[in-house]
Protein backbone atom coordinates (compact mmCIF):
# COMPACT_ATOMS: atom_id res chain seq x y z
CA GLY A 1 109.39 25.04 46.71
CA ARG A 2 112.87 23.78 47.60
CA ILE A 3 115.33 26.38 48.84
CA SER A 4 118.94 26.15 47.61
CA ASN A 5 121.63 25.61 50.24
CA GLY A 6 124.32 28.19 49.63
CA PRO A 7 125.63 30.88 47.35
CA CYS A 8 128.93 29.12 46.45
CA GLN A 9 127.82 25.51 46.34
CA PRO A 10 125.01 23.53 44.68
CA PRO A 11 122.13 22.09 46.72
CA LYS A 12 122.77 18.70 48.28
CA ASN A 13 120.90 15.57 47.19
CA SER A 14 118.92 17.34 44.46
CA VAL A 15 118.65 17.60 40.71
CA THR A 16 120.05 20.93 39.50
CA SER A 17 118.13 22.68 36.71
CA SER A 18 119.69 24.82 33.97
CA ALA A 19 118.40 27.98 35.70
CA GLU A 20 120.03 26.89 38.97
CA ILE A 21 123.30 26.15 37.16
CA SER A 22 123.28 29.76 35.92
CA THR A 23 122.62 31.03 39.47
CA ILE A 24 125.38 28.83 40.90
CA SER A 25 127.79 30.14 38.24
CA LEU A 26 126.94 33.73 39.18
CA LEU A 27 127.49 32.98 42.86
CA ALA A 28 130.82 31.28 42.15
CA LEU A 29 131.87 34.36 40.18
CA LEU A 30 130.86 36.74 42.98
CA CYS A 31 132.45 34.61 45.68
CA SER A 32 135.73 34.43 43.75
CA VAL A 33 136.21 38.22 44.09
CA PRO A 34 137.76 39.33 47.43
CA GLY A 35 135.28 41.19 49.63
CA TYR A 36 132.25 40.07 47.69
CA SER A 37 130.59 38.21 50.56
CA ASN A 38 128.72 41.53 50.82
CA PHE A 39 127.17 42.39 47.45
CA LEU A 40 124.03 43.77 45.82
CA VAL A 41 123.21 42.83 42.25
CA ILE A 42 120.41 44.99 40.78
CA TYR A 43 118.49 44.04 37.65
CA PRO A 44 116.61 46.71 35.63
CA ASN A 45 113.21 45.10 36.26
CA GLN A 46 112.65 45.71 39.99
CA LEU A 47 114.51 42.56 40.99
CA ALA A 48 117.72 42.38 43.03
CA TYR A 49 120.00 39.78 44.54
CA ILE A 50 121.77 40.45 47.85
CA GLY A 51 124.55 38.72 49.75
CA LEU A 52 125.88 39.49 53.22
CA GLU A 53 127.76 37.94 56.12
CA THR A 54 126.12 37.70 59.54
CA GLU A 55 127.21 36.55 63.01
CA ILE A 56 125.43 33.43 64.34
CA ASN A 57 127.37 31.80 67.26
CA ASN A 58 124.67 29.16 67.68
CA VAL A 59 122.93 26.24 65.99
CA ALA A 60 119.89 28.47 65.35
CA ALA A 61 119.39 32.08 64.37
CA GLU A 62 116.80 34.70 63.51
CA ILE A 63 118.19 36.43 60.40
CA ASN A 64 116.63 39.75 59.36
CA VAL A 65 115.77 39.95 55.66
CA LEU A 66 114.33 42.64 53.39
CA SER A 67 110.56 42.90 53.03
CA GLY A 68 110.63 42.16 49.29
CA ILE A 69 112.35 38.79 49.75
CA LEU A 70 111.48 35.86 47.49
CA ALA A 71 111.74 33.37 50.33
CA ASP A 72 112.27 30.33 48.12
CA THR A 73 115.63 31.80 46.99
CA PHE A 74 117.07 32.15 50.52
CA ALA A 75 120.45 30.41 50.91
CA THR A 76 123.28 30.20 53.45
CA ILE A 77 126.91 29.07 53.74
CA PRO A 78 127.27 26.77 55.59
CA ALA A 79 124.07 25.15 54.37
CA TYR A 80 121.18 25.32 56.83
CA LYS A 81 119.20 22.30 57.98
CA SER A 82 115.82 24.07 57.89
CA ALA A 83 114.47 27.59 57.45
CA VAL A 84 111.09 29.19 58.17
CA TYR A 85 110.03 32.58 56.84
CA ARG A 86 108.37 34.95 59.33
CA GLY A 87 106.83 38.08 57.87
CA ILE A 88 106.17 41.37 59.64
CA GLU A 89 103.61 41.06 62.44
CA ARG A 90 101.42 43.98 63.44
CA TYR A 91 100.34 44.51 67.03
CA ASP A 92 97.12 42.57 67.52
CA GLU A 93 95.52 43.03 70.94
CA THR A 94 93.16 40.07 70.52
CA ARG A 95 96.09 37.77 69.71
CA GLN A 96 97.99 39.01 72.75
CA LEU A 97 94.97 38.33 74.94
CA LYS A 98 94.49 34.83 73.51
CA ASP A 99 98.04 33.97 74.58
CA ARG A 100 97.16 35.02 78.14
CA VAL A 101 93.81 33.24 78.66
CA GLY A 102 93.82 31.70 82.16
CA SER A 103 96.44 34.16 83.44
CA GLU A 104 96.13 37.29 85.51
CA ILE A 105 96.20 40.59 83.64
CA THR A 106 95.84 44.25 84.56
CA TRP A 107 92.86 46.12 83.10
CA LEU A 108 92.77 49.94 82.86
CA PHE A 109 89.25 51.44 82.67
CA ASN A 110 88.52 54.73 80.89
CA ASP A 111 87.84 56.50 84.21
CA GLY A 112 91.41 55.75 85.31
CA LYS A 113 90.64 52.89 87.67
CA LYS A 114 92.90 49.84 87.36
CA GLY A 115 92.52 46.27 88.67
CA THR A 116 94.03 42.80 88.38
CA TYR A 117 91.77 40.08 87.02
CA THR A 118 91.91 36.57 85.60
CA LEU A 119 91.39 36.57 81.82
CA MET A 120 88.69 33.97 81.12
CA ASN A 121 88.20 34.65 77.39
CA ALA A 122 89.87 36.84 74.76
CA GLU A 123 87.06 37.44 72.23
CA PRO A 124 84.87 38.77 73.69
CA VAL A 125 86.97 39.78 76.70
CA LEU A 126 85.70 38.15 79.93
CA LEU A 127 87.39 38.94 83.21
CA LYS A 128 87.06 37.22 86.61
CA GLY A 129 87.36 39.24 89.82
CA LEU A 130 86.13 38.99 93.41
CA ASP A 131 82.57 39.57 92.25
CA GLY A 132 82.69 36.86 89.56
CA VAL A 133 83.02 36.88 85.76
CA PHE A 134 82.10 40.03 83.83
CA LYS A 135 82.56 41.68 80.42
CA PRO A 136 84.26 45.09 80.72
CA LEU A 137 82.31 47.82 78.92
CA ASP A 138 85.40 49.92 78.28
CA GLY A 139 89.12 50.05 78.90
CA THR A 140 92.24 48.28 77.65
CA PRO A 141 94.70 45.66 78.94
CA VAL A 142 97.99 46.86 80.44
CA PHE A 143 100.95 44.55 79.91
CA SER A 144 103.94 44.62 82.25
CA SER A 145 106.35 44.26 79.31
CA MET A 146 106.25 44.95 75.59
CA PRO A 147 104.32 42.18 73.88
CA SER A 148 106.47 40.03 71.58
CA PHE A 149 105.74 40.38 67.90
CA ASN A 150 107.87 40.39 64.76
CA THR A 151 108.54 43.96 63.57
CA GLU A 152 110.90 42.93 60.74
CA PRO A 153 110.72 40.01 58.28
CA LYS A 154 113.01 37.16 59.37
CA MET A 155 114.20 33.72 58.41
CA SER A 156 114.31 31.35 61.40
CA VAL A 157 117.26 29.09 60.51
CA GLN A 158 118.50 25.82 62.05
CA PHE A 159 121.97 24.40 61.32
CA ASP A 160 123.36 20.89 61.86
CA GLU A 161 125.92 22.21 64.33
CA LYS A 162 127.02 25.45 65.93
CA VAL A 163 127.90 28.12 63.38
CA THR A 164 130.07 31.17 64.10
CA ARG A 165 129.30 33.21 60.97
CA ALA A 166 127.21 32.55 57.86
CA GLN A 167 127.00 34.01 54.39
CA VAL A 168 123.40 34.73 53.41
CA SER A 169 121.97 35.44 49.96
CA TYR A 170 118.51 35.80 48.40
CA GLN A 171 116.56 37.54 45.68
CA PHE A 172 114.07 40.28 46.43
CA ARG A 173 111.67 42.55 44.59
CA GLY A 174 111.56 46.32 44.86
CA MET A 175 114.84 47.63 43.41
CA GLY A 176 115.71 48.48 39.82
CA TRP A 177 117.86 50.75 37.69
CA GLN A 178 117.64 52.86 34.53
CA ALA A 179 120.25 54.66 32.46
CA PHE A 180 119.88 58.22 31.15
CA TYR A 181 122.28 60.10 28.88
CA ALA A 182 122.97 63.69 27.88
CA LEU A 183 124.84 64.12 24.58
CA HIS A 184 126.36 67.62 24.18
CA LEU A 185 127.36 68.36 20.57
CA GLU A 186 130.38 70.48 19.78
CA GLU A 187 132.04 71.20 16.41
CA GLU A 188 133.29 67.68 15.62
CA THR A 189 133.11 65.86 18.94
CA ALA A 190 130.38 65.25 21.49
CA THR A 191 130.44 64.62 25.23
CA LEU A 192 128.28 61.75 26.44
CA ARG A 193 127.34 61.77 30.13
CA GLY A 194 125.55 58.80 31.68
CA THR A 195 123.44 58.85 34.84
CA LEU A 196 121.98 55.87 36.70
CA LYS A 197 118.64 56.07 38.44
CA ILE A 198 118.51 53.44 41.18
CA SER A 199 115.05 53.09 42.70
CA ASN A 200 114.22 51.47 46.03
CA ALA A 201 110.49 50.82 46.46
CA LEU A 202 110.97 48.99 49.78
CA PRO A 203 110.17 50.77 53.06
CA GLU A 204 113.63 50.00 54.50
CA THR A 205 117.13 51.22 53.59
CA VAL A 206 119.28 48.80 51.57
CA HIS A 207 123.05 48.93 52.22
CA THR A 208 125.87 47.49 50.16
CA ASP A 209 129.65 47.83 49.90
CA ASN A 210 129.72 46.19 46.47
CA LEU A 211 127.09 47.37 43.99
CA ILE A 212 126.80 45.42 40.75
CA LEU A 213 124.43 46.11 37.87
CA PHE A 214 123.21 43.10 35.92
CA SER A 215 123.26 43.88 32.23
CA GLY A 216 119.78 42.70 31.28
CA GLN A 217 116.48 41.30 32.48
CA ALA A 218 116.92 37.59 33.04
CA ASN A 219 113.90 35.45 32.23
CA LEU A 220 112.51 34.38 35.61
CA VAL A 221 109.43 32.60 36.94
CA SER A 222 108.80 32.06 40.64
CA LYS A 223 105.97 30.67 42.73
CA ASP A 224 105.28 34.30 43.70
CA SER A 225 104.03 34.87 40.14
CA TYR A 226 106.97 37.13 39.36
CA SER A 227 108.28 36.95 35.81
CA ALA A 228 110.13 39.07 33.28
CA ARG A 229 110.96 38.59 29.63
CA ALA A 230 114.63 38.53 28.69
CA PRO A 231 115.65 41.34 26.32
CA ARG A 232 118.88 41.53 24.34
CA ALA A 233 122.08 41.47 26.38
CA MET A 234 123.24 44.86 27.60
CA TYR A 235 126.99 45.49 27.46
CA LEU A 236 128.37 47.77 30.14
CA SER A 237 131.77 49.31 30.76
CA ALA A 238 133.39 49.56 34.18
CA GLU A 239 135.79 52.07 35.74
CA GLU A 240 139.52 51.33 35.66
CA SER A 241 139.43 50.91 39.45
CA SER A 242 136.85 48.14 39.18
CA PRO A 243 138.02 44.67 40.29
CA TYR A 244 136.58 43.34 37.04
CA GLY A 245 138.66 45.65 34.81
CA ALA A 246 137.67 48.40 32.41
CA GLY A 247 135.27 46.32 30.33
CA GLY A 248 133.18 44.67 33.02
CA VAL A 249 133.02 40.90 33.26
CA ASP A 250 131.26 38.71 30.74
CA PHE A 251 128.79 36.35 32.39
CA SER A 252 126.73 33.86 30.40
CA GLY A 253 126.14 36.32 27.53
CA TYR A 254 125.56 39.27 29.89
CA VAL A 255 127.98 41.72 31.50
CA LEU A 256 128.15 42.53 35.22
CA TYR A 257 128.99 46.18 35.87
CA PRO A 258 130.49 47.01 39.31
CA ILE A 259 129.93 50.54 40.66
CA PRO A 260 132.73 51.48 43.12
CA GLY A 261 131.81 52.73 46.60
CA SER A 262 129.48 51.98 49.50
CA PHE A 263 125.80 52.86 49.14
CA ASP A 264 122.77 53.28 51.39
CA PHE A 265 119.59 53.34 49.30
CA ALA A 266 116.90 54.91 51.47
CA GLY A 267 113.43 53.37 51.47
CA GLU A 268 110.89 54.61 48.91
CA GLN A 269 113.44 56.88 47.21
CA SER A 270 115.41 57.09 43.97
CA VAL A 271 119.11 57.94 43.79
CA TYR A 272 120.81 59.45 40.72
CA HIS A 273 124.48 58.53 40.22
CA ARG A 274 126.83 59.80 37.47
CA PHE A 275 128.61 56.72 36.17
CA LEU A 276 129.90 57.56 32.70
CA GLU A 277 131.45 60.47 30.79
CA PHE A 278 133.60 60.52 27.64
CA ARG A 279 134.16 62.46 24.40
CA GLN A 280 133.27 60.87 21.08
CA PRO A 281 133.72 62.02 17.43
CA TYR A 282 130.40 62.26 15.59
CA GLU A 283 128.83 63.19 12.27
CA LYS A 284 125.40 64.70 11.71
CA ARG A 285 123.53 62.84 8.98
CA TYR A 286 120.21 63.15 7.15
CA THR A 287 118.59 59.74 6.67
CA PHE A 288 115.68 58.49 4.60
CA HIS A 289 114.12 55.07 5.24
CA ASN A 290 111.68 53.37 2.89
CA SER A 291 110.51 49.93 1.80
CA TYR A 292 109.91 48.10 -1.49
CA TYR A 293 106.20 47.66 -0.68
CA ARG A 294 105.64 51.34 0.08
CA THR A 295 102.65 52.90 -1.74
CA ASP A 296 102.75 56.53 -0.50
CA SER A 297 104.91 58.52 -2.95
CA SER A 298 104.63 61.99 -1.39
CA PHE A 299 107.70 63.96 -0.32
CA GLU A 300 108.52 63.82 3.37
CA PRO A 301 111.16 65.38 5.65
CA LEU A 302 114.38 63.47 6.23
CA ASN A 303 115.42 62.37 9.71
CA GLN A 304 118.29 64.13 11.47
CA THR A 305 120.67 61.54 12.89
CA ILE A 306 123.75 61.76 15.09
CA HIS A 307 126.13 59.09 13.77
CA MET A 308 129.10 57.82 15.81
CA ASN A 309 131.60 55.21 14.63
CA ASP A 310 133.74 53.04 16.93
CA LEU A 311 132.08 53.88 20.24
CA ILE A 312 134.87 54.55 22.76
CA LYS A 313 133.07 52.94 25.72
CA ALA A 314 130.20 50.51 26.05
CA VAL A 315 126.83 51.85 27.24
CA PRO A 316 123.67 50.17 28.52
CA ALA A 317 120.33 50.84 26.88
CA GLY A 318 118.59 54.00 28.01
CA THR A 319 117.19 57.32 26.88
CA VAL A 320 119.39 60.10 25.50
CA SER A 321 118.81 63.85 25.30
CA VAL A 322 120.87 65.68 22.65
CA TYR A 323 121.96 69.30 23.22
CA GLN A 324 123.75 71.82 21.00
CA LYS A 325 125.21 75.22 21.84
CA GLN A 326 123.71 78.21 20.01
CA ALA A 327 125.13 81.68 20.72
CA MET A 328 125.19 81.82 24.55
CA ASP A 329 122.58 79.10 25.14
CA THR A 330 122.59 75.31 25.04
CA ILE A 331 119.44 74.07 23.31
CA LEU A 332 117.75 70.66 23.47
CA ILE A 333 117.48 69.51 19.84
CA GLY A 334 116.05 66.03 20.32
CA GLU A 335 115.49 62.98 22.48
CA SER A 336 115.71 59.33 21.54
CA SER A 337 116.20 55.80 22.82
CA LEU A 338 119.76 54.50 22.91
CA PRO A 339 120.00 50.73 22.36
CA ASP A 340 122.53 48.47 24.06
CA LYS A 341 125.93 49.18 22.54
CA PRO A 342 129.31 47.51 23.18
CA ALA A 343 132.56 49.44 22.74
CA GLY A 344 133.58 49.69 19.09
CA ASP A 345 130.03 49.53 17.76
CA THR A 346 128.24 52.13 15.60
CA VAL A 347 125.57 54.39 17.08
CA ASP A 348 122.79 56.24 15.21
CA ILE A 349 120.58 58.53 17.29
CA ASP A 350 117.50 59.99 15.57
CA ILE A 351 116.81 63.46 16.94
CA GLY A 352 114.02 64.76 14.67
CA GLU A 353 113.10 65.78 11.11
CA THR A 354 114.10 68.62 8.81
CA VAL A 355 111.81 70.11 6.13
CA GLU A 356 114.81 71.59 4.31
CA LEU A 357 115.84 68.18 2.96
CA GLN A 358 113.00 65.96 1.70
CA GLY A 359 112.74 62.59 0.03
CA ASN A 360 110.32 60.83 -2.28
CA PHE A 361 110.29 57.08 -3.03
CA GLU A 362 108.15 55.98 -6.01
CA LEU A 363 107.29 52.67 -7.64
CA ILE A 364 107.45 53.48 -11.39
CA GLU A 365 107.24 49.98 -12.87
CA SER A 366 105.80 46.68 -11.67
CA ARG A 367 105.31 43.45 -13.63
CA GLU A 368 105.41 39.68 -13.28
CA GLU A 369 107.86 37.59 -15.31
CA GLY A 370 107.19 33.90 -14.85
CA LYS A 371 107.70 33.15 -11.17
CA GLU A 372 109.37 36.51 -10.44
CA SER A 373 108.12 39.94 -9.48
CA VAL A 374 109.97 42.77 -11.19
CA ARG A 375 109.87 46.31 -9.78
CA ARG A 376 111.60 49.58 -10.65
CA TYR A 377 111.85 52.62 -8.35
CA ARG A 378 112.73 56.29 -8.43
CA LEU A 379 114.28 57.92 -5.36
CA THR A 380 114.28 61.74 -5.35
CA ILE A 381 116.01 63.96 -2.77
CA LYS A 382 115.35 67.75 -2.69
CA ASN A 383 117.65 70.22 -0.98
CA TYR A 384 116.03 73.57 -0.08
CA THR A 385 119.11 75.03 1.66
CA ASP A 386 121.99 77.20 0.36
CA LYS A 387 124.63 74.54 1.07
CA PRO A 388 125.33 71.04 -0.32
CA LEU A 389 123.93 68.21 1.81
CA ASN A 390 124.24 64.43 1.84
CA ALA A 391 121.26 62.09 2.22
CA TYR A 392 121.84 58.59 3.58
CA THR A 393 119.04 56.45 2.14
CA TYR A 394 118.06 52.94 3.22
CA THR A 395 115.54 50.75 1.38
CA GLN A 396 114.15 47.52 2.78
CA VAL A 397 113.92 44.75 0.15
CA PRO A 398 113.23 40.99 0.21
CA ALA A 399 116.32 39.08 1.33
CA ASP A 400 116.19 36.89 -1.79
CA SER A 401 115.84 39.81 -4.22
CA ALA A 402 118.37 40.69 -6.95
CA LEU A 403 119.29 44.18 -8.23
CA TRP A 404 118.90 45.12 -11.92
CA LEU A 405 119.46 48.34 -13.95
CA SER A 406 120.85 49.80 -10.75
CA ASP A 407 122.34 53.25 -10.24
CA PRO A 408 126.04 52.75 -9.25
CA ARG A 409 125.38 54.65 -6.00
CA VAL A 410 123.08 51.86 -4.79
CA GLU A 411 124.83 49.13 -2.80
CA ARG A 412 123.63 46.17 -0.80
CA THR A 413 124.77 46.52 2.82
CA LYS A 414 122.55 43.76 4.22
CA ALA A 415 120.62 40.87 2.69
CA ASN A 416 117.38 42.81 3.13
CA GLU A 417 118.65 46.40 2.79
CA LEU A 418 119.96 48.68 0.04
CA PHE A 419 121.97 51.83 0.75
CA ALA A 420 122.73 54.92 -1.32
CA LEU A 421 124.63 58.07 -0.36
CA VAL A 422 122.98 60.86 -2.36
CA GLU A 423 124.91 64.17 -2.63
CA VAL A 424 122.55 67.06 -3.38
CA ALA A 425 123.72 70.52 -4.49
CA PRO A 426 122.17 73.68 -2.96
CA LYS A 427 118.64 74.54 -4.11
CA SER A 428 118.42 71.43 -6.29
CA GLU A 429 117.33 67.78 -6.40
CA GLU A 430 119.00 64.46 -7.17
CA VAL A 431 117.34 61.34 -8.63
CA VAL A 432 118.38 57.69 -8.23
CA PHE A 433 116.86 54.78 -10.22
CA PHE A 434 117.09 51.08 -9.41
CA GLY A 435 115.12 47.86 -9.81
CA ILE A 436 114.75 44.54 -7.99
CA ARG A 437 113.65 41.01 -8.91
CA TYR A 438 112.39 38.55 -6.32
CA PRO A 439 110.42 35.24 -6.30
CA ARG A 440 106.66 35.62 -6.11
């Protein structure tokens, strides 16, 4: 495949695809920030994008690259004339001998004797000495200098003219990140702490002075059969000291999240980095979800939910563990998945069920009237505790349905969802009736 020419300029004499336009826009954004000739952008799907500056002082250069490189993404500024990828070479004695056929070599026998001979053939090894050509039964060649072979992956690059320094960029596989959260509940507020796990599956250390997290998994397909589906955009917040400001930088529907500092990610290791901590008001809720086509009418426990309005900071998707203090101990009370949330959004974290508040959703009437289906339901909430509790109930309905004979507590919050806040006294139950009509 064609290799693009440089991180801050489009390829010359070529048709630029929509995917390349997006890449060029990202590079222009990175290059516009002072100091960002050295950067590492990590995606959460074991893909990364690195940029660095290297000294050349010639019209040709051997540029070391990481072992996970996707070679067809390699680019330089100024644009190179040609580039050849050279992977890691292992020491191969037969290959070394083939390069020396017709030359004199030293052969060391197992008994310690050593002699100089003309190498006539490499496989099998045939040597020529004073007594003629023979095949040694044992021993090994001895080279006067270390044989030349490539111990690190490289790009052999040619330029049109002498180049002093060049900016290099490419994508590579083998690095990814995940977000984990601990939510500690207090009386009315909670503390949310976020930790990043950055994994390096490559054998070598990856260094960067400018670490940037990409806020989602971009949809990619390469000739190396690497692909990833694109999930919803992930909105991330940045520290006040970040060059992008406190809210990160919006990029093509995503957000880039800079992490201040210099990093060395050792090979085949994972690093955990605390990147987020803030206090947030919350409310503990009991929720009950059901659907108009539900047939099971038995009582079931309600979900316990931690509800937070107007999220103070944005958070990327991850897993969250919820803790609450009891006497002298802090107890884990539930774990859940936290979806992508921008600042100002609402968060609901399900942490488990409670048998002390139970709900029952029943279809009590069903008939057909012309081209409409008519249904009537009874929603019952039982409170087994000694204190009043509120149940937040949600019922999925057809988007084109209409309410009839509805309890005033039932309201339509979405086209396909009904909501009712049911207040239940201690040791009692509360009943809500409503009906819907929808086209058959």
